N, C-alpha and C. Protein backbone atom coordinates (compact mmCIF):
# COMPACT_ATOMS: atom_id res chain seq x y z
N MET A 1 0.86 -1.17 0.00
CA MET A 1 0.00 0.00 0.00
C MET A 1 0.90 1.23 0.00
N GLY A 2 0.62 2.17 -0.90
CA GLY A 2 1.42 3.37 -0.98
C GLY A 2 1.18 4.30 0.19
N LEU A 3 2.07 5.23 0.36
CA LEU A 3 1.98 6.19 1.46
C LEU A 3 0.68 6.99 1.42
N ILE A 4 0.27 7.42 0.24
CA ILE A 4 -0.96 8.20 0.11
C ILE A 4 -2.16 7.36 0.56
N ASN A 5 -2.20 6.12 0.12
CA ASN A 5 -3.30 5.24 0.54
C ASN A 5 -3.28 5.02 2.04
N TRP A 6 -2.11 4.88 2.60
CA TRP A 6 -1.97 4.66 4.04
C TRP A 6 -2.47 5.89 4.81
N ILE A 7 -2.10 7.07 4.36
CA ILE A 7 -2.54 8.31 5.01
C ILE A 7 -4.06 8.44 4.88
N PHE A 8 -4.60 8.17 3.69
CA PHE A 8 -6.04 8.24 3.50
C PHE A 8 -6.76 7.24 4.39
N ASP A 9 -6.19 6.05 4.54
CA ASP A 9 -6.78 5.01 5.39
C ASP A 9 -6.85 5.49 6.84
N ILE A 10 -5.78 6.11 7.32
CA ILE A 10 -5.77 6.64 8.69
C ILE A 10 -6.84 7.72 8.83
N TYR A 11 -6.94 8.60 7.83
CA TYR A 11 -7.95 9.65 7.86
C TYR A 11 -9.35 9.05 7.91
N GLN A 12 -9.60 8.04 7.08
CA GLN A 12 -10.92 7.40 7.05
C GLN A 12 -11.25 6.77 8.41
N HIS A 13 -10.29 6.09 9.01
CA HIS A 13 -10.52 5.48 10.32
C HIS A 13 -10.79 6.53 11.38
N THR A 14 -10.12 7.65 11.29
CA THR A 14 -10.38 8.75 12.22
C THR A 14 -11.81 9.25 12.06
N GLN A 15 -12.25 9.40 10.81
CA GLN A 15 -13.61 9.85 10.55
C GLN A 15 -14.64 8.82 11.05
N ILE A 16 -14.34 7.55 10.86
CA ILE A 16 -15.24 6.49 11.33
C ILE A 16 -15.32 6.53 12.85
N ASP A 17 -14.19 6.67 13.52
CA ASP A 17 -14.20 6.75 14.99
C ASP A 17 -14.99 7.96 15.46
N LYS A 18 -14.84 9.07 14.77
CA LYS A 18 -15.58 10.29 15.14
C LYS A 18 -17.08 10.05 14.97
N ALA A 19 -17.47 9.44 13.87
CA ALA A 19 -18.89 9.16 13.63
C ALA A 19 -19.43 8.19 14.68
N ARG A 20 -18.62 7.20 15.05
CA ARG A 20 -19.03 6.24 16.08
C ARG A 20 -19.25 6.95 17.41
N ASP A 21 -18.35 7.88 17.76
CA ASP A 21 -18.50 8.64 19.00
C ASP A 21 -19.76 9.51 18.96
N GLU A 22 -20.00 10.13 17.82
CA GLU A 22 -21.20 10.96 17.69
C GLU A 22 -22.46 10.11 17.78
N ALA A 23 -22.43 8.91 17.22
CA ALA A 23 -23.59 8.02 17.31
C ALA A 23 -23.81 7.59 18.75
N ARG A 24 -22.73 7.31 19.46
CA ARG A 24 -22.84 6.93 20.88
C ARG A 24 -23.46 8.07 21.68
N GLN A 25 -23.03 9.29 21.40
CA GLN A 25 -23.58 10.45 22.08
C GLN A 25 -25.06 10.62 21.75
N ALA A 26 -25.40 10.38 20.50
CA ALA A 26 -26.81 10.50 20.10
C ALA A 26 -27.66 9.45 20.82
N ARG A 27 -27.12 8.24 20.99
CA ARG A 27 -27.86 7.21 21.73
C ARG A 27 -28.06 7.62 23.18
N LEU A 28 -27.03 8.22 23.77
CA LEU A 28 -27.16 8.69 25.15
C LEU A 28 -28.23 9.77 25.26
N GLU A 29 -28.21 10.70 24.32
CA GLU A 29 -29.21 11.76 24.32
C GLU A 29 -30.60 11.20 24.09
N ALA A 30 -30.70 10.20 23.22
CA ALA A 30 -32.01 9.61 22.95
C ALA A 30 -32.55 8.90 24.18
N SER A 31 -31.66 8.31 24.96
CA SER A 31 -32.12 7.62 26.17
C SER A 31 -32.53 8.62 27.25
N ALA A 32 -32.17 9.88 27.07
CA ALA A 32 -32.48 10.91 28.06
C ALA A 32 -33.71 11.73 27.70
N VAL A 33 -34.58 11.18 26.86
CA VAL A 33 -35.77 11.95 26.45
C VAL A 33 -36.93 11.78 27.42
N ARG A 34 -36.69 11.07 28.47
CA ARG A 34 -37.75 10.90 29.47
C ARG A 34 -37.68 12.04 30.48
N GLY A 35 -38.82 12.57 30.79
CA GLY A 35 -38.91 13.64 31.78
C GLY A 35 -39.14 13.04 33.16
N GLY A 36 -39.52 13.90 34.09
CA GLY A 36 -39.81 13.44 35.44
C GLY A 36 -40.98 12.46 35.44
N GLY A 37 -40.94 11.50 36.30
CA GLY A 37 -42.01 10.52 36.39
C GLY A 37 -41.99 9.48 35.29
N GLY A 38 -40.95 9.46 34.47
CA GLY A 38 -40.84 8.44 33.43
C GLY A 38 -41.59 8.75 32.15
N SER A 39 -42.27 9.89 32.08
CA SER A 39 -43.00 10.22 30.85
C SER A 39 -42.03 10.73 29.78
N VAL A 40 -42.43 10.59 28.54
CA VAL A 40 -41.59 11.03 27.43
C VAL A 40 -41.69 12.55 27.30
N ASP A 41 -40.55 13.20 27.25
CA ASP A 41 -40.48 14.65 27.00
C ASP A 41 -40.52 14.83 25.49
N VAL A 42 -41.70 15.15 24.96
CA VAL A 42 -41.92 15.23 23.51
C VAL A 42 -40.98 16.24 22.85
N ALA A 43 -40.79 17.39 23.45
CA ALA A 43 -39.93 18.42 22.86
C ALA A 43 -38.49 17.91 22.74
N ARG A 44 -37.99 17.24 23.78
CA ARG A 44 -36.62 16.71 23.73
C ARG A 44 -36.51 15.60 22.70
N LEU A 45 -37.54 14.76 22.63
CA LEU A 45 -37.54 13.68 21.65
C LEU A 45 -37.54 14.23 20.23
N GLU A 46 -38.38 15.22 19.96
CA GLU A 46 -38.43 15.82 18.63
C GLU A 46 -37.11 16.49 18.28
N ARG A 47 -36.50 17.16 19.23
CA ARG A 47 -35.21 17.81 18.99
C ARG A 47 -34.14 16.75 18.66
N ALA A 48 -34.12 15.66 19.44
CA ALA A 48 -33.14 14.59 19.20
C ALA A 48 -33.35 13.94 17.84
N LEU A 49 -34.61 13.69 17.48
CA LEU A 49 -34.90 13.10 16.17
C LEU A 49 -34.52 14.04 15.04
N GLY A 50 -34.77 15.33 15.23
CA GLY A 50 -34.39 16.31 14.21
C GLY A 50 -32.89 16.37 14.01
N GLU A 51 -32.13 16.31 15.10
CA GLU A 51 -30.67 16.31 15.01
C GLU A 51 -30.18 15.04 14.31
N LEU A 52 -30.78 13.92 14.64
CA LEU A 52 -30.38 12.65 14.01
C LEU A 52 -30.72 12.66 12.52
N ALA A 53 -31.89 13.18 12.16
CA ALA A 53 -32.28 13.27 10.75
C ALA A 53 -31.31 14.17 9.99
N LEU A 54 -30.95 15.29 10.59
CA LEU A 54 -30.01 16.22 9.95
C LEU A 54 -28.65 15.55 9.74
N ALA A 55 -28.16 14.86 10.74
CA ALA A 55 -26.86 14.18 10.62
C ALA A 55 -26.90 13.10 9.54
N THR A 56 -27.98 12.35 9.49
CA THR A 56 -28.11 11.28 8.50
C THR A 56 -28.16 11.85 7.08
N LYS A 57 -28.96 12.88 6.89
CA LYS A 57 -29.05 13.51 5.56
C LYS A 57 -27.71 14.10 5.15
N THR A 58 -27.01 14.69 6.10
CA THR A 58 -25.71 15.29 5.81
C THR A 58 -24.71 14.23 5.37
N VAL A 59 -24.65 13.12 6.09
CA VAL A 59 -23.73 12.04 5.74
C VAL A 59 -24.07 11.49 4.35
N GLN A 60 -25.34 11.23 4.11
CA GLN A 60 -25.75 10.68 2.82
C GLN A 60 -25.39 11.63 1.67
N ARG A 61 -25.72 12.91 1.82
CA ARG A 61 -25.44 13.86 0.74
C ARG A 61 -23.94 14.06 0.54
N MET A 62 -23.17 14.06 1.63
CA MET A 62 -21.73 14.22 1.50
C MET A 62 -21.11 13.03 0.78
N MET A 63 -21.57 11.83 1.11
CA MET A 63 -21.04 10.64 0.45
C MET A 63 -21.34 10.66 -1.04
N VAL A 64 -22.55 11.09 -1.41
CA VAL A 64 -22.91 11.18 -2.83
C VAL A 64 -22.10 12.28 -3.50
N ALA A 65 -22.01 13.44 -2.86
CA ALA A 65 -21.28 14.58 -3.45
C ALA A 65 -19.80 14.26 -3.65
N LYS A 66 -19.21 13.49 -2.76
CA LYS A 66 -17.79 13.15 -2.88
C LYS A 66 -17.56 11.94 -3.77
N GLY A 67 -18.65 11.37 -4.29
CA GLY A 67 -18.52 10.24 -5.20
C GLY A 67 -18.20 8.93 -4.50
N ILE A 68 -18.43 8.86 -3.21
CA ILE A 68 -18.17 7.63 -2.47
C ILE A 68 -19.20 6.58 -2.83
N CYS A 69 -20.43 7.02 -3.03
CA CYS A 69 -21.50 6.11 -3.44
C CYS A 69 -22.58 6.93 -4.14
N THR A 70 -23.49 6.22 -4.77
CA THR A 70 -24.65 6.87 -5.36
C THR A 70 -25.80 6.80 -4.37
N ARG A 71 -26.85 7.57 -4.65
CA ARG A 71 -28.05 7.50 -3.78
C ARG A 71 -28.60 6.08 -3.76
N GLU A 72 -28.56 5.42 -4.91
CA GLU A 72 -29.09 4.06 -5.01
C GLU A 72 -28.26 3.10 -4.17
N GLU A 73 -26.93 3.24 -4.22
CA GLU A 73 -26.06 2.38 -3.41
C GLU A 73 -26.29 2.63 -1.92
N PHE A 74 -26.46 3.88 -1.55
CA PHE A 74 -26.73 4.21 -0.15
C PHE A 74 -28.04 3.56 0.30
N ALA A 75 -29.08 3.69 -0.53
CA ALA A 75 -30.39 3.10 -0.20
C ALA A 75 -30.30 1.58 -0.12
N ALA A 76 -29.54 0.97 -1.02
CA ALA A 76 -29.39 -0.49 -1.00
C ALA A 76 -28.68 -0.94 0.28
N MET A 77 -27.64 -0.21 0.68
CA MET A 77 -26.92 -0.55 1.91
C MET A 77 -27.83 -0.35 3.13
N MET A 78 -28.63 0.69 3.10
CA MET A 78 -29.54 0.93 4.21
C MET A 78 -30.54 -0.23 4.33
N ARG A 79 -31.06 -0.71 3.20
CA ARG A 79 -31.98 -1.86 3.24
C ARG A 79 -31.28 -3.10 3.75
N GLU A 80 -30.03 -3.30 3.34
CA GLU A 80 -29.25 -4.46 3.79
C GLU A 80 -29.05 -4.41 5.31
N ILE A 81 -28.69 -3.25 5.82
CA ILE A 81 -28.49 -3.09 7.26
C ILE A 81 -29.82 -3.27 8.00
N ASP A 82 -30.90 -2.78 7.41
CA ASP A 82 -32.23 -2.91 8.01
C ASP A 82 -32.58 -4.38 8.21
N ARG A 83 -32.20 -5.24 7.27
CA ARG A 83 -32.53 -6.67 7.36
C ARG A 83 -31.68 -7.44 8.35
N GLU A 84 -30.59 -6.84 8.84
CA GLU A 84 -29.67 -7.56 9.74
C GLU A 84 -30.34 -8.05 11.02
N ASP A 85 -31.38 -7.36 11.48
CA ASP A 85 -32.05 -7.78 12.71
C ASP A 85 -33.20 -8.75 12.43
N GLY A 86 -33.32 -9.17 11.16
CA GLY A 86 -34.35 -10.14 10.80
C GLY A 86 -35.68 -9.52 10.43
N SER A 87 -35.77 -8.21 10.45
CA SER A 87 -37.03 -7.54 10.15
C SER A 87 -36.76 -6.33 9.27
N GLU A 88 -37.31 -6.33 8.06
CA GLU A 88 -37.15 -5.18 7.17
C GLU A 88 -38.27 -4.20 7.48
N ASP A 89 -38.01 -3.32 8.46
CA ASP A 89 -39.06 -2.42 8.95
C ASP A 89 -38.65 -0.95 8.91
N GLY A 90 -37.52 -0.64 8.28
CA GLY A 90 -37.08 0.75 8.18
C GLY A 90 -36.47 1.28 9.45
N ARG A 91 -36.09 0.38 10.36
CA ARG A 91 -35.49 0.80 11.64
C ARG A 91 -34.34 -0.14 12.00
N ALA A 92 -33.47 0.35 12.85
CA ALA A 92 -32.38 -0.46 13.38
C ALA A 92 -32.49 -0.46 14.89
N PRO A 93 -32.11 -1.55 15.51
CA PRO A 93 -32.14 -1.58 16.97
C PRO A 93 -31.21 -0.51 17.56
N LEU A 94 -31.58 0.03 18.69
CA LEU A 94 -30.75 1.05 19.35
C LEU A 94 -29.75 0.39 20.27
N GLY A 95 -28.73 -0.14 19.75
CA GLY A 95 -27.73 -0.73 20.63
C GLY A 95 -26.95 -1.79 20.01
């Protein structure tokens, strides 16, 4: 592997680690949407979902814009990941 590829690989792993940390933080924030008495704080939940939707759209558009994948490839991978839990329901388990 050439030096340029090695440097790019390190950069990609750094970006993956950063995204993993951000996802972990998002999971923590999502688990904190309950208010006093165990009820769901709707405003906090909507804010968390909006932030997650924004992050997801940003990642998808950036990957397409940089030529990493096409929209169709992204959608196909999303469907593949969706099926990993045995249920193609448009959701992934939180954990």
